Amino acid sequence: MTVQRKPIRSFVIRKGRMSDGQRRALTQLWDQYGLESSDGLIDLRAQFDKDQDVTIEIGFGMGDSLVQMAADEPGRNFIGIEVHRPGIGHLLREADARGLTNLKVYSEDSIEVLKHCIPDASIAGVQIFFPDPWPKKRHHKRRLIQGDFLDLILPRLRQGGILHIATDWEPYAQWIREHLEQHAGYVSAKVPGRPKTKYESRGLALGHDVTDIAVRKA
């Protein structure tokens, strides 16, 4: 008999306290902004008011920088993927307050979304800002940036599509560079601009160096 092993997850779902406002946002705004992985492969053009380039952010945390990007770049559509429900609720409140129509959200594991929901050659960019570095060696298998994950992203990117990763943990930055250099599907690219995240600000206050790495689909 074959034993099915549970996949190793790169995240731990935090139980952080959800405010009443975040809870109301999840209840009242999900139909407007939310996407369901159970719906399977999506038609991106049908999800937004305008048919324009789509960028996916994986692990947006509380979502402030993603909301800022969507507000600053109305000529681009964004899909955020996050499992932390207080963060999702916060993002929905901010998106609604700004009247954003170019932002959608999955409350789901990014691997499942990429596998089952995102069409091939449909995405202009994927951004992953400050993923958990899992600094202890025995936990490195939990790091999000692995060869298999890069394999999963690549076909969803359009030709020339950008993968942009930021980290404030130098050993993880080196790990990311090595995995990208070993992958024939990506070549070096100019790093796009982005807003500063709250997590980044905390890291800088602790004296951490921030590294941004960008590659494009070859």
C-alpha atoms as a PDB file:
ATOM      1  CA  MET A   1       0.000   0.000   0.000  1.00  0.00           C
ATOM      2  CA  THR A   2       1.313   3.460  -0.953  1.00  0.00           C
ATOM      3  CA  VAL A   3       1.349   5.937   1.910  1.00  0.00           C
ATOM      4  CA  GLN A   4       0.389   9.469   0.896  1.00  0.00           C
ATOM      5  CA  ARG A   5       2.712  11.940   2.597  1.00  0.00           C
ATOM      6  CA  LYS A   6       1.432  15.378   3.484  1.00  0.00           C
ATOM      7  CA  PRO A   7       3.152  18.109   1.471  1.00  0.00           C
ATOM      8  CA  ILE A   8       5.689  20.181   3.385  1.00  0.00           C
ATOM      9  CA  ARG A   9       4.248  23.656   3.870  1.00  0.00           C
ATOM     10  CA  SER A  10       6.329  26.794   3.780  1.00  0.00           C
ATOM     11  CA  PHE A  11       3.996  28.591   6.166  1.00  0.00           C
ATOM     12  CA  VAL A  12       2.392  28.243   9.571  1.00  0.00           C
ATOM     13  CA  ILE A  13      -1.103  29.670   9.905  1.00  0.00           C
ATOM     14  CA  ARG A  14      -0.980  32.231  12.682  1.00  0.00           C
ATOM     15  CA  LYS A  15      -4.076  32.568  14.815  1.00  0.00           C
ATOM     16  CA  GLY A  16      -3.664  36.304  15.288  1.00  0.00           C
ATOM     17  CA  ARG A  17      -6.653  38.101  16.743  1.00  0.00           C
ATOM     18  CA  MET A  18      -9.138  39.317  14.146  1.00  0.00           C
ATOM     19  CA  SER A  19     -10.719  42.710  14.777  1.00  0.00           C
ATOM     20  CA  ASP A  20     -14.440  43.278  14.359  1.00  0.00           C
ATOM     21  CA  GLY A  21     -13.704  45.410  11.303  1.00  0.00           C
ATOM     22  CA  GLN A  22     -11.599  42.702   9.686  1.00  0.00           C
ATOM     23  CA  ARG A  23     -14.293  40.137  10.405  1.00  0.00           C
ATOM     24  CA  ARG A  24     -16.985  42.358   8.867  1.00  0.00           C
ATOM     25  CA  ALA A  25     -14.812  42.947   5.808  1.00  0.00           C
ATOM     26  CA  LEU A  26     -14.420  39.208   5.237  1.00  0.00           C
ATOM     27  CA  THR A  27     -18.171  38.749   5.529  1.00  0.00           C
ATOM     28  CA  GLN A  28     -19.313  41.775   3.541  1.00  0.00           C
ATOM     29  CA  LEU A  29     -16.593  42.223   0.918  1.00  0.00           C
ATOM     30  CA  TRP A  30     -15.517  38.698   0.025  1.00  0.00           C
ATOM     31  CA  ASP A  31     -18.031  38.381  -2.817  1.00  0.00           C
ATOM     32  CA  GLN A  32     -16.586  41.553  -4.334  1.00  0.00           C
ATOM     33  CA  TYR A  33     -12.880  40.801  -3.974  1.00  0.00           C
ATOM     34  CA  GLY A  34     -12.558  37.102  -3.207  1.00  0.00           C
ATOM     35  CA  LEU A  35     -11.656  34.241  -5.543  1.00  0.00           C
ATOM     36  CA  GLU A  36     -12.286  30.587  -4.706  1.00  0.00           C
ATOM     37  CA  SER A  37      -9.803  27.847  -5.548  1.00  0.00           C
ATOM     38  CA  SER A  38     -12.734  25.435  -5.766  1.00  0.00           C
ATOM     39  CA  ASP A  39     -13.793  27.252  -8.955  1.00  0.00           C
ATOM     40  CA  GLY A  40     -10.704  25.867 -10.666  1.00  0.00           C
ATOM     41  CA  LEU A  41      -9.017  27.484 -13.662  1.00  0.00           C
ATOM     42  CA  ILE A  42     -10.102  31.112 -13.968  1.00  0.00           C
ATOM     43  CA  ASP A  43     -10.618  33.441 -16.901  1.00  0.00           C
ATOM     44  CA  LEU A  44      -8.565  36.441 -15.819  1.00  0.00           C
ATOM     45  CA  ARG A  45     -10.343  38.791 -18.226  1.00  0.00           C
ATOM     46  CA  ALA A  46     -13.657  37.980 -16.538  1.00  0.00           C
ATOM     47  CA  GLN A  47     -12.391  38.800 -13.031  1.00  0.00           C
ATOM     48  CA  PHE A  48     -11.583  42.480 -13.550  1.00  0.00           C
ATOM     49  CA  ASP A  49     -13.237  45.544 -15.011  1.00  0.00           C
ATOM     50  CA  LYS A  50     -10.316  46.056 -17.404  1.00  0.00           C
ATOM     51  CA  ASP A  51      -8.343  43.526 -19.442  1.00  0.00           C
ATOM     52  CA  GLN A  52      -4.738  44.419 -18.529  1.00  0.00           C
ATOM     53  CA  ASP A  53      -1.540  42.873 -17.196  1.00  0.00           C
ATOM     54  CA  VAL A  54      -1.933  40.778 -14.044  1.00  0.00           C
ATOM     55  CA  THR A  55       0.592  40.527 -11.202  1.00  0.00           C
ATOM     56  CA  ILE A  56       0.270  37.936  -8.431  1.00  0.00           C
ATOM     57  CA  GLU A  57       1.602  38.593  -4.931  1.00  0.00           C
ATOM     58  CA  ILE A  58       2.192  35.502  -2.797  1.00  0.00           C
ATOM     59  CA  GLY A  59       2.011  36.010   0.969  1.00  0.00           C
ATOM     60  CA  PHE A  60       0.966  39.666   1.246  1.00  0.00           C
ATOM     61  CA  GLY A  61       0.726  39.695   5.059  1.00  0.00           C
ATOM     62  CA  MET A  62      -1.470  42.595   6.147  1.00  0.00           C
ATOM     63  CA  GLY A  63      -1.637  43.777   2.545  1.00  0.00           C
ATOM     64  CA  ASP A  64      -0.778  47.463   2.917  1.00  0.00           C
ATOM     65  CA  SER A  65       1.933  47.464   0.258  1.00  0.00           C
ATOM     66  CA  LEU A  66      -0.218  45.442  -2.161  1.00  0.00           C
ATOM     67  CA  VAL A  67      -3.120  47.874  -1.745  1.00  0.00           C
ATOM     68  CA  GLN A  68      -0.683  50.743  -2.322  1.00  0.00           C
ATOM     69  CA  MET A  69       0.611  49.157  -5.526  1.00  0.00           C
ATOM     70  CA  ALA A  70      -2.922  48.579  -6.815  1.00  0.00           C
ATOM     71  CA  ALA A  71      -3.836  52.191  -6.033  1.00  0.00           C
ATOM     72  CA  ASP A  72      -0.669  53.580  -7.622  1.00  0.00           C
ATOM     73  CA  GLU A  73      -0.950  51.421 -10.764  1.00  0.00           C
ATOM     74  CA  PRO A  74      -4.558  51.386 -11.998  1.00  0.00           C
ATOM     75  CA  GLY A  75      -3.279  50.163 -15.372  1.00  0.00           C
ATOM     76  CA  ARG A  76      -2.374  46.799 -13.843  1.00  0.00           C
ATOM     77  CA  ASN A  77      -4.485  44.117 -12.174  1.00  0.00           C
ATOM     78  CA  PHE A  78      -3.358  42.330  -9.013  1.00  0.00           C
ATOM     79  CA  ILE A  79      -4.187  39.022  -7.340  1.00  0.00           C
ATOM     80  CA  GLY A  80      -3.068  38.523  -3.753  1.00  0.00           C
ATOM     81  CA  ILE A  81      -2.701  35.084  -2.176  1.00  0.00           C
ATOM     82  CA  GLU A  82      -2.606  34.787   1.620  1.00  0.00           C
ATOM     83  CA  VAL A  83      -3.647  32.355   4.369  1.00  0.00           C
ATOM     84  CA  HIS A  84      -3.595  34.802   7.324  1.00  0.00           C
ATOM     85  CA  ARG A  85      -7.245  35.793   7.642  1.00  0.00           C
ATOM     86  CA  PRO A  86      -6.755  38.954   9.757  1.00  0.00           C
ATOM     87  CA  GLY A  87      -4.403  40.180   7.022  1.00  0.00           C
ATOM     88  CA  ILE A  88      -6.971  39.373   4.347  1.00  0.00           C
ATOM     89  CA  GLY A  89      -9.666  41.207   6.289  1.00  0.00           C
ATOM     90  CA  HIS A  90      -7.388  44.230   6.657  1.00  0.00           C
ATOM     91  CA  LEU A  91      -6.610  44.267   2.938  1.00  0.00           C
ATOM     92  CA  LEU A  92     -10.302  44.036   2.012  1.00  0.00           C
ATOM     93  CA  ARG A  93     -11.126  47.022   4.222  1.00  0.00           C
ATOM     94  CA  GLU A  94      -8.352  49.116   2.683  1.00  0.00           C
ATOM     95  CA  ALA A  95      -9.208  48.086  -0.877  1.00  0.00           C
ATOM     96  CA  ASP A  96     -12.853  48.993  -0.331  1.00  0.00           C
ATOM     97  CA  ALA A  97     -11.966  52.325   1.281  1.00  0.00           C
ATOM     98  CA  ARG A  98      -9.951  53.225  -1.823  1.00  0.00           C
ATOM     99  CA  GLY A  99     -12.581  51.908  -4.225  1.00  0.00           C
ATOM    100  CA  LEU A 100     -10.110  49.581  -5.936  1.00  0.00           C
ATOM    101  CA  THR A 101     -11.380  47.531  -8.863  1.00  0.00           C
ATOM    102  CA  ASN A 102      -8.035  46.047  -9.938  1.00  0.00           C
ATOM    103  CA  LEU A 103      -7.432  43.764  -6.947  1.00  0.00           C
ATOM    104  CA  LYS A 104      -8.663  40.235  -6.143  1.00  0.00           C
ATOM    105  CA  VAL A 105      -7.722  37.813  -3.349  1.00  0.00           C
ATOM    106  CA  TYR A 106      -7.353  34.096  -2.703  1.00  0.00           C
ATOM    107  CA  SER A 107      -7.466  32.823   0.891  1.00  0.00           C
ATOM    108  CA  GLU A 108      -5.542  29.674   0.046  1.00  0.00           C
ATOM    109  CA  ASP A 109      -2.163  27.965  -0.190  1.00  0.00           C
ATOM    110  CA  SER A 110      -0.341  29.528  -3.152  1.00  0.00           C
ATOM    111  CA  ILE A 111       0.765  26.129  -4.438  1.00  0.00           C
ATOM    112  CA  GLU A 112      -2.843  24.982  -4.804  1.00  0.00           C
ATOM    113  CA  VAL A 113      -3.827  28.247  -6.504  1.00  0.00           C
ATOM    114  CA  LEU A 114      -0.958  28.082  -8.982  1.00  0.00           C
ATOM    115  CA  LYS A 115      -1.586  24.427  -9.748  1.00  0.00           C
ATOM    116  CA  HIS A 116      -5.327  24.591 -10.262  1.00  0.00           C
ATOM    117  CA  CYS A 117      -6.437  28.176 -10.892  1.00  0.00           C
ATOM    118  CA  ILE A 118      -3.899  30.170 -12.929  1.00  0.00           C
ATOM    119  CA  PRO A 119      -3.778  29.575 -16.714  1.00  0.00           C
ATOM    120  CA  ASP A 120      -0.450  29.057 -18.456  1.00  0.00           C
ATOM    121  CA  ALA A 121       1.268  32.096 -20.003  1.00  0.00           C
ATOM    122  CA  SER A 122      -1.247  34.478 -18.397  1.00  0.00           C
ATOM    123  CA  ILE A 123       0.684  36.380 -15.722  1.00  0.00           C
ATOM    124  CA  ALA A 124       2.926  39.410 -16.262  1.00  0.00           C
ATOM    125  CA  GLY A 125       4.579  39.164 -12.849  1.00  0.00           C
ATOM    126  CA  VAL A 126       4.828  37.258  -9.580  1.00  0.00           C
ATOM    127  CA  GLN A 127       6.095  39.003  -6.451  1.00  0.00           C
ATOM    128  CA  ILE A 128       7.082  37.383  -3.173  1.00  0.00           C
ATOM    129  CA  PHE A 129       8.136  39.871  -0.518  1.00  0.00           C
ATOM    130  CA  PHE A 130       9.825  38.666   2.672  1.00  0.00           C
ATOM    131  CA  PRO A 131       8.840  35.007   2.728  1.00  0.00           C
ATOM    132  CA  ASP A 132       9.647  33.163   5.948  1.00  0.00           C
ATOM    133  CA  PRO A 133      13.402  32.434   5.783  1.00  0.00           C
ATOM    134  CA  TRP A 134      13.164  29.362   8.037  1.00  0.00           C
ATOM    135  CA  PRO A 135      16.710  30.095   9.257  1.00  0.00           C
ATOM    136  CA  LYS A 136      17.428  26.801  11.032  1.00  0.00           C
ATOM    137  CA  LYS A 137      19.050  24.259   8.732  1.00  0.00           C
ATOM    138  CA  ARG A 138      16.613  21.501   9.672  1.00  0.00           C
ATOM    139  CA  HIS A 139      13.780  23.757   8.474  1.00  0.00           C
ATOM    140  CA  HIS A 140      15.271  24.663   5.084  1.00  0.00           C
ATOM    141  CA  LYS A 141      12.969  22.099   3.463  1.00  0.00           C
ATOM    142  CA  ARG A 142      10.106  24.446   4.419  1.00  0.00           C
ATOM    143  CA  ARG A 143      11.460  27.399   2.462  1.00  0.00           C
ATOM    144  CA  LEU A 144       9.072  28.511  -0.251  1.00  0.00           C
ATOM    145  CA  ILE A 145      11.756  29.122  -2.853  1.00  0.00           C
ATOM    146  CA  GLN A 146      12.698  25.648  -4.039  1.00  0.00           C
ATOM    147  CA  GLY A 147      13.237  24.161  -7.486  1.00  0.00           C
ATOM    148  CA  ASP A 148       9.760  22.620  -7.577  1.00  0.00           C
ATOM    149  CA  PHE A 149       8.132  25.948  -6.719  1.00  0.00           C
ATOM    150  CA  LEU A 150      10.089  27.759  -9.417  1.00  0.00           C
ATOM    151  CA  ASP A 151       8.958  25.044 -11.837  1.00  0.00           C
ATOM    152  CA  LEU A 152       5.371  25.755 -10.823  1.00  0.00           C
ATOM    153  CA  ILE A 153       5.596  29.508 -11.406  1.00  0.00           C
ATOM    154  CA  LEU A 154       7.411  29.419 -14.739  1.00  0.00           C
ATOM    155  CA  PRO A 155       4.650  28.178 -17.080  1.00  0.00           C
ATOM    156  CA  ARG A 156       2.130  30.624 -15.589  1.00  0.00           C
ATOM    157  CA  LEU A 157       4.328  33.588 -16.540  1.00  0.00           C
ATOM    158  CA  ARG A 158       4.062  35.127 -19.972  1.00  0.00           C
ATOM    159  CA  GLN A 159       7.215  35.291 -22.077  1.00  0.00           C
ATOM    160  CA  GLY A 160       9.371  37.902 -20.369  1.00  0.00           C
ATOM    161  CA  GLY A 161       7.208  37.845 -17.218  1.00  0.00           C
ATOM    162  CA  ILE A 162       8.975  38.965 -14.034  1.00  0.00           C
ATOM    163  CA  LEU A 163       9.518  37.057 -10.789  1.00  0.00           C
ATOM    164  CA  HIS A 164      10.480  39.533  -8.054  1.00  0.00           C
ATOM    165  CA  ILE A 165      11.571  38.315  -4.610  1.00  0.00           C
ATOM    166  CA  ALA A 166      12.685  40.365  -1.605  1.00  0.00           C
ATOM    167  CA  THR A 167      14.227  39.155   1.666  1.00  0.00           C
ATOM    168  CA  ASP A 168      16.008  40.685   4.650  1.00  0.00           C
ATOM    169  CA  TRP A 169      17.820  37.442   5.541  1.00  0.00           C
ATOM    170  CA  GLU A 170      21.144  37.310   3.675  1.00  0.00           C
ATOM    171  CA  PRO A 171      21.602  33.504   3.833  1.00  0.00           C
ATOM    172  CA  TYR A 172      18.148  33.139   2.274  1.00  0.00           C
ATOM    173  CA  ALA A 173      19.049  35.697  -0.402  1.00  0.00           C
ATOM    174  CA  GLN A 174      22.027  33.539  -1.329  1.00  0.00           C
ATOM    175  CA  TRP A 175      19.795  30.440  -1.345  1.00  0.00           C
ATOM    176  CA  ILE A 176      17.356  32.200  -3.698  1.00  0.00           C
ATOM    177  CA  ARG A 177      20.135  33.324  -6.056  1.00  0.00           C
ATOM    178  CA  GLU A 178      21.562  29.803  -6.223  1.00  0.00           C
ATOM    179  CA  HIS A 179      18.198  28.213  -7.002  1.00  0.00           C
ATOM    180  CA  LEU A 180      17.458  30.776  -9.703  1.00  0.00           C
ATOM    181  CA  GLU A 181      20.908  30.440 -11.259  1.00  0.00           C
ATOM    182  CA  GLN A 182      20.409  26.668 -11.448  1.00  0.00           C
ATOM    183  CA  HIS A 183      17.083  27.075 -13.255  1.00  0.00           C
ATOM    184  CA  ALA A 184      17.365  27.366 -17.030  1.00  0.00           C
ATOM    185  CA  GLY A 185      13.914  28.922 -17.372  1.00  0.00           C
ATOM    186  CA  TYR A 186      14.864  32.251 -15.766  1.00  0.00           C
ATOM    187  CA  VAL A 187      17.350  34.967 -16.654  1.00  0.00           C
ATOM    188  CA  SER A 188      18.366  38.075 -14.740  1.00  0.00           C
ATOM    189  CA  ALA A 189      16.105  41.120 -14.958  1.00  0.00           C
ATOM    190  CA  LYS A 190      15.947  44.703 -13.715  1.00  0.00           C
ATOM    191  CA  VAL A 191      14.397  44.915 -10.261  1.00  0.00           C
ATOM    192  CA  PRO A 192      10.991  46.682 -10.368  1.00  0.00           C
ATOM    193  CA  GLY A 193      10.104  49.365  -7.880  1.00  0.00           C
ATOM    194  CA  ARG A 194       7.835  48.568  -4.941  1.00  0.00           C
ATOM    195  CA  PRO A 195       6.497  50.185  -1.755  1.00  0.00           C
ATOM    196  CA  LYS A 196       8.254  49.486   1.534  1.00  0.00           C
ATOM    197  CA  THR A 197       6.442  46.857   3.600  1.00  0.00           C
ATOM    198  CA  LYS A 198       5.865  46.965   7.371  1.00  0.00           C
ATOM    199  CA  TYR A 199       7.871  43.756   7.759  1.00  0.00           C
ATOM    200  CA  GLU A 200      10.717  45.367   5.829  1.00  0.00           C
ATOM    201  CA  SER A 201      10.656  48.418   8.092  1.00  0.00           C
ATOM    202  CA  ARG A 202      10.983  46.186  11.148  1.00  0.00           C
ATOM    203  CA  GLY A 203      13.907  44.348   9.569  1.00  0.00           C
ATOM    204  CA  LEU A 204      15.684  47.588   8.704  1.00  0.00           C
ATOM    205  CA  ALA A 205      15.202  48.812  12.273  1.00  0.00           C
ATOM    206  CA  LEU A 206      16.971  45.641  13.432  1.00  0.00           C
ATOM    207  CA  GLY A 207      19.880  46.360  11.093  1.00  0.00           C
ATOM    208  CA  HIS A 208      19.003  43.772   8.447  1.00  0.00           C
ATOM    209  CA  ASP A 209      20.040  44.333   4.840  1.00  0.00           C
ATOM    210  CA  VAL A 210      17.235  44.023   2.297  1.00  0.00           C
ATOM    211  CA  THR A 211      17.921  42.199  -0.963  1.00  0.00           C
ATOM    212  CA  ASP A 212      15.660  42.429  -4.015  1.00  0.00           C
ATOM    213  CA  ILE A 213      16.133  39.826  -6.740  1.00  0.00           C
ATOM    214  CA  ALA A 214      14.361  39.831 -10.091  1.00  0.00           C
ATOM    215  CA  VAL A 215      14.402  37.377 -12.992  1.00  0.00           C
ATOM    216  CA  ARG A 216      12.296  37.034 -16.120  1.00  0.00           C
ATOM    217  CA  LYS A 217      10.996  34.069 -18.031  1.00  0.00           C
ATOM    218  CA  ALA A 218      13.561  33.271 -20.698  1.00  0.00           C
END
